[in-house]
Amino acid sequence: MTAITEFIQQLREFGTGAYLRPEERQYWEPPFDVNALPELEALLIGYAKSVPLDVPNPDIIRDHVLDLYTQLREFNARHNDAIIEPEEEAEITELVRMMWPDYAADHVPDFADLDASTSE
């Protein structure tokens, strides 16, 4: 199971309440529509496939990553900002850093950095 697949599976379990006991589900309501998860998975997998093997200028990585974060924010907005919350932002940052192992420490911004970059 890839890290992306595992991330989506965890979201699916949360979104369906699969982790709850039957008696806990009586008043439970889904926090988001799990039917949106294939779109999120496709965004993340598509991004992973787009990461270049050779980066002539590591400074371009920041813009490349922030473009993904922007797409993810747009996705989340279409789904009432209910799927990607701060905890998921942190997990996505870690997923993205795994995609850029040689550059992660210096060139891969946090998901939260998107707010700072858009206010500049």
PDB file of N, CA and C in Angstrom:
ATOM      1  N   MET A   1       0.852  -1.171   0.000  1.00  0.00           N
ATOM      2  CA  MET A   1       0.000   0.000   0.000  1.00  0.00           C
ATOM      3  C   MET A   1       0.905   1.243   0.000  1.00  0.00           C
ATOM      4  N   THR A   2       0.641   2.134  -0.914  1.00  0.00           N
ATOM      5  CA  THR A   2       1.442   3.350  -0.968  1.00  0.00           C
ATOM      6  C   THR A   2       1.012   4.315   0.132  1.00  0.00           C
ATOM      7  N   ALA A   3       1.851   5.288   0.400  1.00  0.00           N
ATOM      8  CA  ALA A   3       1.529   6.285   1.423  1.00  0.00           C
ATOM      9  C   ALA A   3       0.263   7.059   1.049  1.00  0.00           C
ATOM     10  N   ILE A   4       0.085   7.344  -0.236  1.00  0.00           N
ATOM     11  CA  ILE A   4      -1.115   8.066  -0.676  1.00  0.00           C
ATOM     12  C   ILE A   4      -2.351   7.205  -0.460  1.00  0.00           C
ATOM     13  N   THR A   5      -2.283   5.944  -0.845  1.00  0.00           N
ATOM     14  CA  THR A   5      -3.408   5.028  -0.664  1.00  0.00           C
ATOM     15  C   THR A   5      -3.759   4.894   0.813  1.00  0.00           C
ATOM     16  N   GLU A   6      -2.742   4.803   1.650  1.00  0.00           N
ATOM     17  CA  GLU A   6      -2.966   4.690   3.095  1.00  0.00           C
ATOM     18  C   GLU A   6      -3.627   5.962   3.638  1.00  0.00           C
ATOM     19  N   PHE A   7      -3.181   7.119   3.181  1.00  0.00           N
ATOM     20  CA  PHE A   7      -3.764   8.395   3.597  1.00  0.00           C
ATOM     21  C   PHE A   7      -5.245   8.451   3.216  1.00  0.00           C
ATOM     22  N   ILE A   8      -5.555   8.062   1.985  1.00  0.00           N
ATOM     23  CA  ILE A   8      -6.947   8.079   1.510  1.00  0.00           C
ATOM     24  C   ILE A   8      -7.783   7.072   2.300  1.00  0.00           C
ATOM     25  N   GLN A   9      -7.220   5.918   2.583  1.00  0.00           N
ATOM     26  CA  GLN A   9      -7.943   4.898   3.357  1.00  0.00           C
ATOM     27  C   GLN A   9      -8.278   5.412   4.758  1.00  0.00           C
ATOM     28  N   GLN A  10      -7.336   6.102   5.383  1.00  0.00           N
ATOM     29  CA  GLN A  10      -7.600   6.674   6.709  1.00  0.00           C
ATOM     30  C   GLN A  10      -8.725   7.707   6.638  1.00  0.00           C
ATOM     31  N   LEU A  11      -8.707   8.533   5.600  1.00  0.00           N
ATOM     32  CA  LEU A  11      -9.787   9.508   5.417  1.00  0.00           C
ATOM     33  C   LEU A  11     -11.125   8.803   5.192  1.00  0.00           C
ATOM     34  N   ARG A  12     -11.097   7.718   4.418  1.00  0.00           N
ATOM     35  CA  ARG A  12     -12.329   6.968   4.148  1.00  0.00           C
ATOM     36  C   ARG A  12     -12.889   6.388   5.451  1.00  0.00           C
ATOM     37  N   GLU A  13     -12.026   5.823   6.271  1.00  0.00           N
ATOM     38  CA  GLU A  13     -12.478   5.271   7.551  1.00  0.00           C
ATOM     39  C   GLU A  13     -13.069   6.366   8.436  1.00  0.00           C
ATOM     40  N   PHE A  14     -12.434   7.525   8.439  1.00  0.00           N
ATOM     41  CA  PHE A  14     -12.948   8.644   9.227  1.00  0.00           C
ATOM     42  C   PHE A  14     -14.275   9.135   8.661  1.00  0.00           C
ATOM     43  N   GLY A  15     -14.342   9.262   7.345  1.00  0.00           N
ATOM     44  CA  GLY A  15     -15.539   9.793   6.691  1.00  0.00           C
ATOM     45  C   GLY A  15     -16.738   8.866   6.725  1.00  0.00           C
ATOM     46  N   THR A  16     -16.495   7.575   6.879  1.00  0.00           N
ATOM     47  CA  THR A  16     -17.600   6.613   6.945  1.00  0.00           C
ATOM     48  C   THR A  16     -17.930   6.207   8.380  1.00  0.00           C
ATOM     49  N   GLY A  17     -17.072   6.598   9.311  1.00  0.00           N
ATOM     50  CA  GLY A  17     -17.291   6.200  10.702  1.00  0.00           C
ATOM     51  C   GLY A  17     -16.958   4.746  10.945  1.00  0.00           C
ATOM     52  N   ALA A  18     -16.142   4.160  10.079  1.00  0.00           N
ATOM     53  CA  ALA A  18     -15.804   2.743  10.202  1.00  0.00           C
ATOM     54  C   ALA A  18     -15.110   2.421  11.523  1.00  0.00           C
ATOM     55  N   TYR A  19     -14.517   3.400  12.130  1.00  0.00           N
ATOM     56  CA  TYR A  19     -13.794   3.205  13.387  1.00  0.00           C
ATOM     57  C   TYR A  19     -14.729   3.163  14.604  1.00  0.00           C
ATOM     58  N   LEU A  20     -15.992   3.519  14.408  1.00  0.00           N
ATOM     59  CA  LEU A  20     -16.950   3.592  15.513  1.00  0.00           C
ATOM     60  C   LEU A  20     -17.602   2.240  15.798  1.00  0.00           C
ATOM     61  N   ARG A  21     -17.970   2.042  17.052  1.00  0.00           N
ATOM     62  CA  ARG A  21     -18.770   0.872  17.405  1.00  0.00           C
ATOM     63  C   ARG A  21     -20.203   1.162  16.974  1.00  0.00           C
ATOM     64  N   PRO A  22     -21.006   0.133  16.730  1.00  0.00           N
ATOM     65  CA  PRO A  22     -22.384   0.351  16.264  1.00  0.00           C
ATOM     66  C   PRO A  22     -23.190   1.302  17.155  1.00  0.00           C
ATOM     67  N   GLU A  23     -23.052   1.176  18.456  1.00  0.00           N
ATOM     68  CA  GLU A  23     -23.826   2.046  19.352  1.00  0.00           C
ATOM     69  C   GLU A  23     -23.352   3.507  19.310  1.00  0.00           C
ATOM     70  N   GLU A  24     -22.138   3.736  18.859  1.00  0.00           N
ATOM     71  CA  GLU A  24     -21.624   5.105  18.745  1.00  0.00           C
ATOM     72  C   GLU A  24     -22.123   5.802  17.477  1.00  0.00           C
ATOM     73  N   ARG A  25     -22.670   5.044  16.568  1.00  0.00           N
ATOM     74  CA  ARG A  25     -23.090   5.606  15.286  1.00  0.00           C
ATOM     75  C   ARG A  25     -24.518   6.156  15.314  1.00  0.00           C
ATOM     76  N   GLN A  26     -25.218   5.980  16.411  1.00  0.00           N
ATOM     77  CA  GLN A  26     -26.619   6.383  16.481  1.00  0.00           C
ATOM     78  C   GLN A  26     -26.812   7.856  16.122  1.00  0.00           C
ATOM     79  N   TYR A  27     -26.003   8.728  16.664  1.00  0.00           N
ATOM     80  CA  TYR A  27     -26.158  10.167  16.414  1.00  0.00           C
ATOM     81  C   TYR A  27     -25.030  10.735  15.549  1.00  0.00           C
ATOM     82  N   TRP A  28     -24.208   9.864  15.047  1.00  0.00           N
ATOM     83  CA  TRP A  28     -23.052  10.284  14.255  1.00  0.00           C
ATOM     84  C   TRP A  28     -23.486  10.703  12.857  1.00  0.00           C
ATOM     85  N   GLU A  29     -22.866  11.754  12.351  1.00  0.00           N
ATOM     86  CA  GLU A  29     -23.098  12.180  10.970  1.00  0.00           C
ATOM     87  C   GLU A  29     -21.754  12.257  10.267  1.00  0.00           C
ATOM     88  N   PRO A  30     -21.705  11.843   9.011  1.00  0.00           N
ATOM     89  CA  PRO A  30     -20.441  11.893   8.273  1.00  0.00           C
ATOM     90  C   PRO A  30     -19.918  13.329   8.180  1.00  0.00           C
ATOM     91  N   PRO A  31     -18.614  13.521   8.408  1.00  0.00           N
ATOM     92  CA  PRO A  31     -18.047  14.864   8.343  1.00  0.00           C
ATOM     93  C   PRO A  31     -17.888  15.388   6.915  1.00  0.00           C
ATOM     94  N   PHE A  32     -17.865  14.464   5.946  1.00  0.00           N
ATOM     95  CA  PHE A  32     -17.740  14.846   4.538  1.00  0.00           C
ATOM     96  C   PHE A  32     -18.199  13.687   3.670  1.00  0.00           C
ATOM     97  N   ASP A  33     -18.387  13.983   2.395  1.00  0.00           N
ATOM     98  CA  ASP A  33     -18.819  12.976   1.425  1.00  0.00           C
ATOM     99  C   ASP A  33     -17.600  12.192   0.939  1.00  0.00           C
ATOM    100  N   VAL A  34     -17.533  10.921   1.307  1.00  0.00           N
ATOM    101  CA  VAL A  34     -16.382  10.103   0.913  1.00  0.00           C
ATOM    102  C   VAL A  34     -16.311   9.888  -0.596  1.00  0.00           C
ATOM    103  N   ASN A  35     -17.380  10.198  -1.314  1.00  0.00           N
ATOM    104  CA  ASN A  35     -17.342  10.079  -2.774  1.00  0.00           C
ATOM    105  C   ASN A  35     -16.378  11.078  -3.400  1.00  0.00           C
ATOM    106  N   ALA A  36     -15.905  12.053  -2.626  1.00  0.00           N
ATOM    107  CA  ALA A  36     -14.925  13.026  -3.119  1.00  0.00           C
ATOM    108  C   ALA A  36     -13.495  12.493  -3.025  1.00  0.00           C
ATOM    109  N   LEU A  37     -13.284  11.430  -2.280  1.00  0.00           N
ATOM    110  CA  LEU A  37     -11.929  10.941  -2.046  1.00  0.00           C
ATOM    111  C   LEU A  37     -11.208  10.449  -3.299  1.00  0.00           C
ATOM    112  N   PRO A  38     -11.882   9.821  -4.270  1.00  0.00           N
ATOM    113  CA  PRO A  38     -11.154   9.449  -5.491  1.00  0.00           C
ATOM    114  C   PRO A  38     -10.552  10.663  -6.213  1.00  0.00           C
ATOM    115  N   GLU A  39     -11.241  11.791  -6.164  1.00  0.00           N
ATOM    116  CA  GLU A  39     -10.700  13.008  -6.784  1.00  0.00           C
ATOM    117  C   GLU A  39      -9.437  13.461  -6.045  1.00  0.00           C
ATOM    118  N   LEU A  40      -9.473  13.428  -4.727  1.00  0.00           N
ATOM    119  CA  LEU A  40      -8.305  13.798  -3.930  1.00  0.00           C
ATOM    120  C   LEU A  40      -7.151  12.840  -4.208  1.00  0.00           C
ATOM    121  N   GLU A  41      -7.452  11.562  -4.255  1.00  0.00           N
ATOM    122  CA  GLU A  41      -6.419  10.567  -4.536  1.00  0.00           C
ATOM    123  C   GLU A  41      -5.810  10.803  -5.912  1.00  0.00           C
ATOM    124  N   ALA A  42      -6.639  11.103  -6.898  1.00  0.00           N
ATOM    125  CA  ALA A  42      -6.140  11.365  -8.250  1.00  0.00           C
ATOM    126  C   ALA A  42      -5.244  12.602  -8.277  1.00  0.00           C
ATOM    127  N   LEU A  43      -5.604  13.642  -7.530  1.00  0.00           N
ATOM    128  CA  LEU A  43      -4.758  14.839  -7.458  1.00  0.00           C
ATOM    129  C   LEU A  43      -3.384  14.497  -6.890  1.00  0.00           C
ATOM    130  N   LEU A  44      -3.362  13.738  -5.805  1.00  0.00           N
ATOM    131  CA  LEU A  44      -2.096  13.401  -5.159  1.00  0.00           C
ATOM    132  C   LEU A  44      -1.249  12.460  -6.016  1.00  0.00           C
ATOM    133  N   ILE A  45      -1.882  11.469  -6.617  1.00  0.00           N
ATOM    134  CA  ILE A  45      -1.137  10.539  -7.475  1.00  0.00           C
ATOM    135  C   ILE A  45      -0.638  11.256  -8.722  1.00  0.00           C
ATOM    136  N   GLY A  46      -1.479  12.091  -9.306  1.00  0.00           N
ATOM    137  CA  GLY A  46      -1.059  12.867 -10.474  1.00  0.00           C
ATOM    138  C   GLY A  46       0.127  13.749 -10.151  1.00  0.00           C
ATOM    139  N   TYR A  47       0.097  14.367  -8.987  1.00  0.00           N
ATOM    140  CA  TYR A  47       1.223  15.201  -8.576  1.00  0.00           C
ATOM    141  C   TYR A  47       2.480  14.345  -8.407  1.00  0.00           C
ATOM    142  N   ALA A  48       2.350  13.212  -7.725  1.00  0.00           N
ATOM    143  CA  ALA A  48       3.506  12.340  -7.504  1.00  0.00           C
ATOM    144  C   ALA A  48       4.140  11.934  -8.827  1.00  0.00           C
ATOM    145  N   LYS A  49       3.321  11.672  -9.823  1.00  0.00           N
ATOM    146  CA  LYS A  49       3.839  11.289 -11.143  1.00  0.00           C
ATOM    147  C   LYS A  49       4.493  12.463 -11.859  1.00  0.00           C
ATOM    148  N   SER A  50       4.138  13.694 -11.471  1.00  0.00           N
ATOM    149  CA  SER A  50       4.685  14.868 -12.150  1.00  0.00           C
ATOM    150  C   SER A  50       6.003  15.351 -11.551  1.00  0.00           C
ATOM    151  N   VAL A  51       6.402  14.787 -10.427  1.00  0.00           N
ATOM    152  CA  VAL A  51       7.643  15.221  -9.784  1.00  0.00           C
ATOM    153  C   VAL A  51       8.821  14.801 -10.664  1.00  0.00           C
ATOM    154  N   PRO A  52       9.618  15.773 -11.117  1.00  0.00           N
ATOM    155  CA  PRO A  52      10.741  15.433 -11.993  1.00  0.00           C
ATOM    156  C   PRO A  52      11.827  14.666 -11.239  1.00  0.00           C
ATOM    157  N   LEU A  53      12.479  13.765 -11.954  1.00  0.00           N
ATOM    158  CA  LEU A  53      13.562  12.992 -11.351  1.00  0.00           C
ATOM    159  C   LEU A  53      14.805  13.850 -11.162  1.00  0.00           C
ATOM    160  N   ASP A  54      15.029  14.767 -12.086  1.00  0.00           N
ATOM    161  CA  ASP A  54      16.198  15.630 -12.028  1.00  0.00           C
ATOM    162  C   ASP A  54      15.721  17.078 -11.958  1.00  0.00           C
ATOM    163  N   VAL A  55      16.181  17.785 -10.960  1.00  0.00           N
ATOM    164  CA  VAL A  55      15.771  19.177 -10.779  1.00  0.00           C
ATOM    165  C   VAL A  55      17.000  20.065 -10.955  1.00  0.00           C
ATOM    166  N   PRO A  56      17.077  20.762 -12.097  1.00  0.00           N
ATOM    167  CA  PRO A  56      18.251  21.595 -12.343  1.00  0.00           C
ATOM    168  C   PRO A  56      18.348  22.785 -11.386  1.00  0.00           C
ATOM    169  N   ASN A  57      17.212  23.267 -10.921  1.00  0.00           N
ATOM    170  CA  ASN A  57      17.197  24.406 -10.011  1.00  0.00           C
ATOM    171  C   ASN A  57      16.213  24.109  -8.881  1.00  0.00           C
ATOM    172  N   PRO A  58      16.715  23.750  -7.708  1.00  0.00           N
ATOM    173  CA  PRO A  58      15.829  23.388  -6.602  1.00  0.00           C
ATOM    174  C   PRO A  58      14.857  24.494  -6.184  1.00  0.00           C
ATOM    175  N   ASP A  59      15.142  25.733  -6.560  1.00  0.00           N
ATOM    176  CA  ASP A  59      14.244  26.825  -6.187  1.00  0.00           C
ATOM    177  C   ASP A  59      12.870  26.698  -6.843  1.00  0.00           C
ATOM    178  N   ILE A  60      12.782  25.961  -7.950  1.00  0.00           N
ATOM    179  CA  ILE A  60      11.480  25.796  -8.609  1.00  0.00           C
ATOM    180  C   ILE A  60      10.563  24.858  -7.823  1.00  0.00           C
ATOM    181  N   ILE A  61      11.141  24.092  -6.913  1.00  0.00           N
ATOM    182  CA  ILE A  61      10.356  23.122  -6.147  1.00  0.00           C
ATOM    183  C   ILE A  61       9.266  23.823  -5.348  1.00  0.00           C
ATOM    184  N   ARG A  62       9.595  24.935  -4.715  1.00  0.00           N
ATOM    185  CA  ARG A  62       8.614  25.655  -3.892  1.00  0.00           C
ATOM    186  C   ARG A  62       7.368  25.994  -4.708  1.00  0.00           C
ATOM    187  N   ASP A  63       7.559  26.560  -5.897  1.00  0.00           N
ATOM    188  CA  ASP A  63       6.412  26.920  -6.732  1.00  0.00           C
ATOM    189  C   ASP A  63       5.631  25.681  -7.160  1.00  0.00           C
ATOM    190  N   HIS A  64       6.349  24.620  -7.490  1.00  0.00           N
ATOM    191  CA  HIS A  64       5.726  23.362  -7.905  1.00  0.00           C
ATOM    192  C   HIS A  64       4.832  22.828  -6.786  1.00  0.00           C
ATOM    193  N   VAL A  65       5.343  22.849  -5.565  1.00  0.00           N
ATOM    194  CA  VAL A  65       4.603  22.346  -4.409  1.00  0.00           C
ATOM    195  C   VAL A  65       3.428  23.266  -4.082  1.00  0.00           C
ATOM    196  N   LEU A  66       3.656  24.569  -4.111  1.00  0.00           N
ATOM    197  CA  LEU A  66       2.571  25.504  -3.801  1.00  0.00           C
ATOM    198  C   LEU A  66       1.438  25.401  -4.815  1.00  0.00           C
ATOM    199  N   ASP A  67       1.758  25.064  -6.060  1.00  0.00           N
ATOM    200  CA  ASP A  67       0.702  24.829  -7.059  1.00  0.00           C
ATOM    201  C   ASP A  67      -0.189  23.663  -6.626  1.00  0.00           C
ATOM    202  N   LEU A  68       0.428  22.591  -6.137  1.00  0.00           N
ATOM    203  CA  LEU A  68      -0.363  21.456  -5.637  1.00  0.00           C
ATOM    204  C   LEU A  68      -1.233  21.897  -4.469  1.00  0.00           C
ATOM    205  N   TYR A  69      -0.645  22.599  -3.516  1.00  0.00           N
ATOM    206  CA  TYR A  69      -1.406  23.033  -2.349  1.00  0.00           C
ATOM    207  C   TYR A  69      -2.594  23.904  -2.765  1.00  0.00           C
ATOM    208  N   THR A  70      -2.398  24.745  -3.774  1.00  0.00           N
ATOM    209  CA  THR A  70      -3.496  25.582  -4.277  1.00  0.00           C
ATOM    210  C   THR A  70      -4.607  24.704  -4.845  1.00  0.00           C
ATOM    211  N   GLN A  71      -4.236  23.694  -5.626  1.00  0.00           N
ATOM    212  CA  GLN A  71      -5.235  22.772  -6.180  1.00  0.00           C
ATOM    213  C   GLN A  71      -5.983  22.053  -5.062  1.00  0.00           C
ATOM    214  N   LEU A  72      -5.264  21.679  -4.016  1.00  0.00           N
ATOM    215  CA  LEU A  72      -5.895  20.984  -2.894  1.00  0.00           C
ATOM    216  C   LEU A  72      -6.830  21.907  -2.121  1.00  0.00           C
ATOM    217  N   ARG A  73      -6.448  23.154  -1.974  1.00  0.00           N
ATOM    218  CA  ARG A  73      -7.343  24.123  -1.315  1.00  0.00           C
ATOM    219  C   ARG A  73      -8.617  24.303  -2.137  1.00  0.00           C
ATOM    220  N   GLU A  74      -8.471  24.385  -3.467  1.00  0.00           N
ATOM    221  CA  GLU A  74      -9.641  24.528  -4.342  1.00  0.00           C
ATOM    222  C   GLU A  74     -10.539  23.299  -4.234  1.00  0.00           C
ATOM    223  N   PHE A  75      -9.926  22.120  -4.224  1.00  0.00           N
ATOM    224  CA  PHE A  75     -10.676  20.874  -4.036  1.00  0.00           C
ATOM    225  C   PHE A  75     -11.449  20.933  -2.721  1.00  0.00           C
ATOM    226  N   ASN A  76     -10.763  21.298  -1.652  1.00  0.00           N
ATOM    227  CA  ASN A  76     -11.388  21.333  -0.336  1.00  0.00           C
ATOM    228  C   ASN A  76     -12.526  22.348  -0.287  1.00  0.00           C
ATOM    229  N   ALA A  77     -12.351  23.485  -0.928  1.00  0.00           N
ATOM    230  CA  ALA A  77     -13.408  24.510  -0.960  1.00  0.00           C
ATOM    231  C   ALA A  77     -14.657  23.976  -1.654  1.00  0.00           C
ATOM    232  N   ARG A  78     -14.460  23.176  -2.703  1.00  0.00           N
ATOM    233  CA  ARG A  78     -15.610  22.585  -3.406  1.00  0.00           C
ATOM    234  C   ARG A  78     -16.364  21.595  -2.516  1.00  0.00           C
ATOM    235  N   HIS A  79     -15.715  21.158  -1.451  1.00  0.00           N
ATOM    236  CA  HIS A  79     -16.317  20.176  -0.543  1.00  0.00           C
ATOM    237  C   HIS A  79     -16.490  20.776   0.855  1.00  0.00           C
ATOM    238  N   ASN A  80     -16.873  22.049   0.868  1.00  0.00           N
ATOM    239  CA  ASN A  80     -17.210  22.756   2.119  1.00  0.00           C
ATOM    240  C   ASN A  80     -16.067  22.795   3.134  1.00  0.00           C
ATOM    241  N   ASP A  81     -14.837  22.765   2.649  1.00  0.00           N
ATOM    242  CA  ASP A  81     -13.655  22.806   3.533  1.00  0.00           C
ATOM    243  C   ASP A  81     -13.723  21.750   4.631  1.00  0.00           C
ATOM    244  N   ALA A  82     -14.304  20.616   4.303  1.00  0.00           N
ATOM    245  CA  ALA A  82     -14.541  19.588   5.321  1.00  0.00           C
ATOM    246  C   ALA A  82     -13.563  18.419   5.281  1.00  0.00           C
ATOM    247  N   ILE A  83     -12.796  18.285   4.211  1.00  0.00           N
ATOM    248  CA  ILE A  83     -11.952  17.095   4.074  1.00  0.00           C
ATOM    249  C   ILE A  83     -10.528  17.355   4.557  1.00  0.00           C
ATOM    250  N   ILE A  84      -9.926  18.430   4.083  1.00  0.00           N
ATOM    251  CA  ILE A  84      -8.540  18.734   4.441  1.00  0.00           C
ATOM    252  C   ILE A  84      -8.538  19.778   5.553  1.00  0.00           C
ATOM    253  N   GLU A  85      -8.237  19.301   6.745  1.00  0.00           N
ATOM    254  CA  GLU A  85      -8.134  20.161   7.919  1.00  0.00           C
ATOM    255  C   GLU A  85      -6.656  20.222   8.312  1.00  0.00           C
ATOM    256  N   PRO A  86      -6.287  20.988   9.336  1.00  0.00           N
ATOM    257  CA  PRO A  86      -4.864  21.129   9.676  1.00  0.00           C
ATOM    258  C   PRO A  86      -4.111  19.807   9.842  1.00  0.00           C
ATOM    259  N   GLU A  87      -4.742  18.813  10.434  1.00  0.00           N
ATOM    260  CA  GLU A  87      -4.067  17.516  10.593  1.00  0.00           C
ATOM    261  C   GLU A  87      -3.757  16.899   9.229  1.00  0.00           C
ATOM    262  N   GLU A  88      -4.707  16.976   8.312  1.00  0.00           N
ATOM    263  CA  GLU A  88      -4.494  16.434   6.967  1.00  0.00           C
ATOM    264  C   GLU A  88      -3.469  17.274   6.200  1.00  0.00           C
ATOM    265  N   GLU A  89      -3.465  18.585   6.431  1.00  0.00           N
ATOM    266  CA  GLU A  89      -2.452  19.437   5.798  1.00  0.00           C
ATOM    267  C   GLU A  89      -1.055  18.973   6.200  1.00  0.00           C
ATOM    268  N   ALA A  90      -0.874  18.666   7.478  1.00  0.00           N
ATOM    269  CA  ALA A  90       0.425  18.191   7.961  1.00  0.00           C
ATOM    270  C   ALA A  90       0.782  16.851   7.318  1.00  0.00           C
ATOM    271  N   GLU A  91      -0.192  15.965   7.189  1.00  0.00           N
ATOM    272  CA  GLU A  91       0.064  14.670   6.556  1.00  0.00           C
ATOM    273  C   GLU A  91       0.401  14.840   5.078  1.00  0.00           C
ATOM    274  N   ILE A  92      -0.290  15.755   4.415  1.00  0.00           N
ATOM    275  CA  ILE A  92      -0.010  16.010   3.000  1.00  0.00           C
ATOM    276  C   ILE A  92       1.392  16.584   2.846  1.00  0.00           C
ATOM    277  N   THR A  93       1.785  17.476   3.746  1.00  0.00           N
ATOM    278  CA  THR A  93       3.149  18.015   3.699  1.00  0.00           C
ATOM    279  C   THR A  93       4.160  16.878   3.777  1.00  0.00           C
ATOM    280  N   GLU A  94       3.938  15.928   4.663  1.00  0.00           N
ATOM    281  CA  GLU A  94       4.860  14.793   4.784  1.00  0.00           C
ATOM    282  C   GLU A  94       4.855  13.934   3.521  1.00  0.00           C
ATOM    283  N   LEU A  95       3.673  13.716   2.941  1.00  0.00           N
ATOM    284  CA  LEU A  95       3.605  12.965   1.683  1.00  0.00           C
ATOM    285  C   LEU A  95       4.430  13.660   0.604  1.00  0.00           C
ATOM    286  N   VAL A  96       4.273  14.968   0.499  1.00  0.00           N
ATOM    287  CA  VAL A  96       4.991  15.728  -0.529  1.00  0.00           C
ATOM    288  C   VAL A  96       6.492  15.681  -0.266  1.00  0.00           C
ATOM    289  N   ARG A  97       6.890  15.765   0.972  1.00  0.00           N
ATOM    290  CA  ARG A  97       8.327  15.698   1.286  1.00  0.00           C
ATOM    291  C   ARG A  97       8.914  14.340   0.912  1.00  0.00           C
ATOM    292  N   MET A  98       8.112  13.291   1.030  1.00  0.00           N
ATOM    293  CA  MET A  98       8.590  11.964   0.611  1.00  0.00           C
ATOM    294  C   MET A  98       8.803  11.915  -0.900  1.00  0.00           C
ATOM    295  N   MET A  99       8.051  12.738  -1.635  1.00  0.00           N
ATOM    296  CA  MET A  99       8.182  12.768  -3.093  1.00  0.00           C
ATOM    297  C   MET A  99       9.436  13.516  -3.534  1.00  0.00           C
ATOM    298  N   TRP A 100       9.978  14.346  -2.677  1.00  0.00           N
ATOM    299  CA  TRP A 100      11.169  15.148  -2.970  1.00  0.00           C
ATOM    300  C   TRP A 100      12.269  14.812  -1.956  1.00  0.00           C
ATOM    301  N   PRO A 101      12.696  13.563  -1.842  1.00  0.00           N
ATOM    302  CA  PRO A 101      13.605  13.181  -0.757  1.00  0.00           C
ATOM    303  C   PRO A 101      14.932  13.941  -0.735  1.00  0.00           C
ATOM    304  N   ASP A 102      15.443  14.328  -1.883  1.00  0.00           N
ATOM    305  CA  ASP A 102      16.739  15.010  -1.916  1.00  0.00           C
ATOM    306  C   ASP A 102      16.651  16.493  -1.595  1.00  0.00           C
ATOM    307  N   TYR A 103      15.431  17.036  -1.598  1.00  0.00           N
ATOM    308  CA  TYR A 103      15.277  18.481  -1.461  1.00  0.00           C
ATOM    309  C   TYR A 103      14.342  18.893  -0.328  1.00  0.00           C
ATOM    310  N   ALA A 104      13.708  17.945   0.308  1.00  0.00           N
ATOM    311  CA  ALA A 104      12.620  18.239   1.243  1.00  0.00           C
ATOM    312  C   ALA A 104      12.994  19.230   2.338  1.00  0.00           C
ATOM    313  N   ALA A 105      14.140  19.050   2.938  1.00  0.00           N
ATOM    314  CA  ALA A 105      14.488  19.879   4.095  1.00  0.00           C
ATOM    315  C   ALA A 105      14.558  21.364   3.770  1.00  0.00           C
ATOM    316  N   ASP A 106      15.089  21.698   2.617  1.00  0.00           N
ATOM    317  CA  ASP A 106      15.318  23.105   2.290  1.00  0.00           C
ATOM    318  C   ASP A 106      14.318  23.717   1.328  1.00  0.00           C
ATOM    319  N   HIS A 107      13.629  22.908   0.546  1.00  0.00           N
ATOM    320  CA  HIS A 107      12.859  23.470  -0.562  1.00  0.00           C
ATOM    321  C   HIS A 107      11.371  23.129  -0.586  1.00  0.00           C
ATOM    322  N   VAL A 108      10.918  22.214   0.254  1.00  0.00           N
ATOM    323  CA  VAL A 108       9.502  21.837   0.242  1.00  0.00           C
ATOM    324  C   VAL A 108       8.784  22.571   1.373  1.00  0.00           C
ATOM    325  N   PRO A 109       7.894  23.507   1.017  1.00  0.00           N
ATOM    326  CA  PRO A 109       7.181  24.265   2.049  1.00  0.00           C
ATOM    327  C   PRO A 109       6.095  23.428   2.719  1.00  0.00           C
ATOM    328  N   ASP A 110       5.684  23.870   3.891  1.00  0.00           N
ATOM    329  CA  ASP A 110       4.534  23.274   4.568  1.00  0.00           C
ATOM    330  C   ASP A 110       3.265  23.708   3.849  1.00  0.00           C
ATOM    331  N   PHE A 111       2.231  22.908   3.960  1.00  0.00           N
ATOM    332  CA  PHE A 111       0.932  23.264   3.384  1.00  0.00           C
ATOM    333  C   PHE A 111       0.494  24.622   3.930  1.00  0.00           C
ATOM    334  N   ALA A 112       0.727  24.856   5.216  1.00  0.00           N
ATOM    335  CA  ALA A 112       0.331  26.125   5.842  1.00  0.00           C
ATOM    336  C   ALA A 112       1.053  27.319   5.225  1.00  0.00           C
ATOM    337  N   ASP A 113       2.203  27.087   4.588  1.00  0.00           N
ATOM    338  CA  ASP A 113       2.937  28.176   3.936  1.00  0.00           C
ATOM    339  C   ASP A 113       2.166  28.762   2.763  1.00  0.00           C
ATOM    340  N   LEU A 114       1.170  28.040   2.269  1.00  0.00           N
ATOM    341  CA  LEU A 114       0.364  28.557   1.164  1.00  0.00           C
ATOM    342  C   LEU A 114      -0.303  29.861   1.577  1.00  0.00           C
ATOM    343  N   ASP A 115      -0.763  29.941   2.806  1.00  0.00           N
ATOM    344  CA  ASP A 115      -1.399  31.171   3.284  1.00  0.00           C
ATOM    345  C   ASP A 115      -0.434  32.343   3.237  1.00  0.00           C
ATOM    346  N   ALA A 116       0.800  32.115   3.641  1.00  0.00           N
ATOM    347  CA  ALA A 116       1.799  33.184   3.638  1.00  0.00           C
ATOM    348  C   ALA A 116       2.161  33.597   2.219  1.00  0.00           C
ATOM    349  N   SER A 117       2.234  32.622   1.318  1.00  0.00           N
ATOM    350  CA  SER A 117       2.634  32.942  -0.056  1.00  0.00           C
ATOM    351  C   SER A 117       1.539  33.681  -0.812  1.00  0.00           C
ATOM    352  N   THR A 118       0.290  33.443  -0.468  1.00  0.00           N
ATOM    353  CA  THR A 118      -0.798  34.113  -1.185  1.00  0.00           C
ATOM    354  C   THR A 118      -1.082  35.497  -0.628  1.00  0.00           C
ATOM    355  N   SER A 119      -0.556  35.792   0.553  1.00  0.00           N
ATOM    356  CA  SER A 119      -0.790  37.116   1.126  1.00  0.00           C
ATOM    357  C   SER A 119       0.349  38.081   0.835  1.00  0.00           C
ATOM    358  N   GLU A 120       1.383  37.592   0.146  1.00  0.00           N
ATOM    359  CA  GLU A 120       2.533  38.448  -0.174  1.00  0.00           C
ATOM    360  C   GLU A 120       2.215  39.377  -1.310  1.00  0.00           C
TER     361      GLU A 120
END
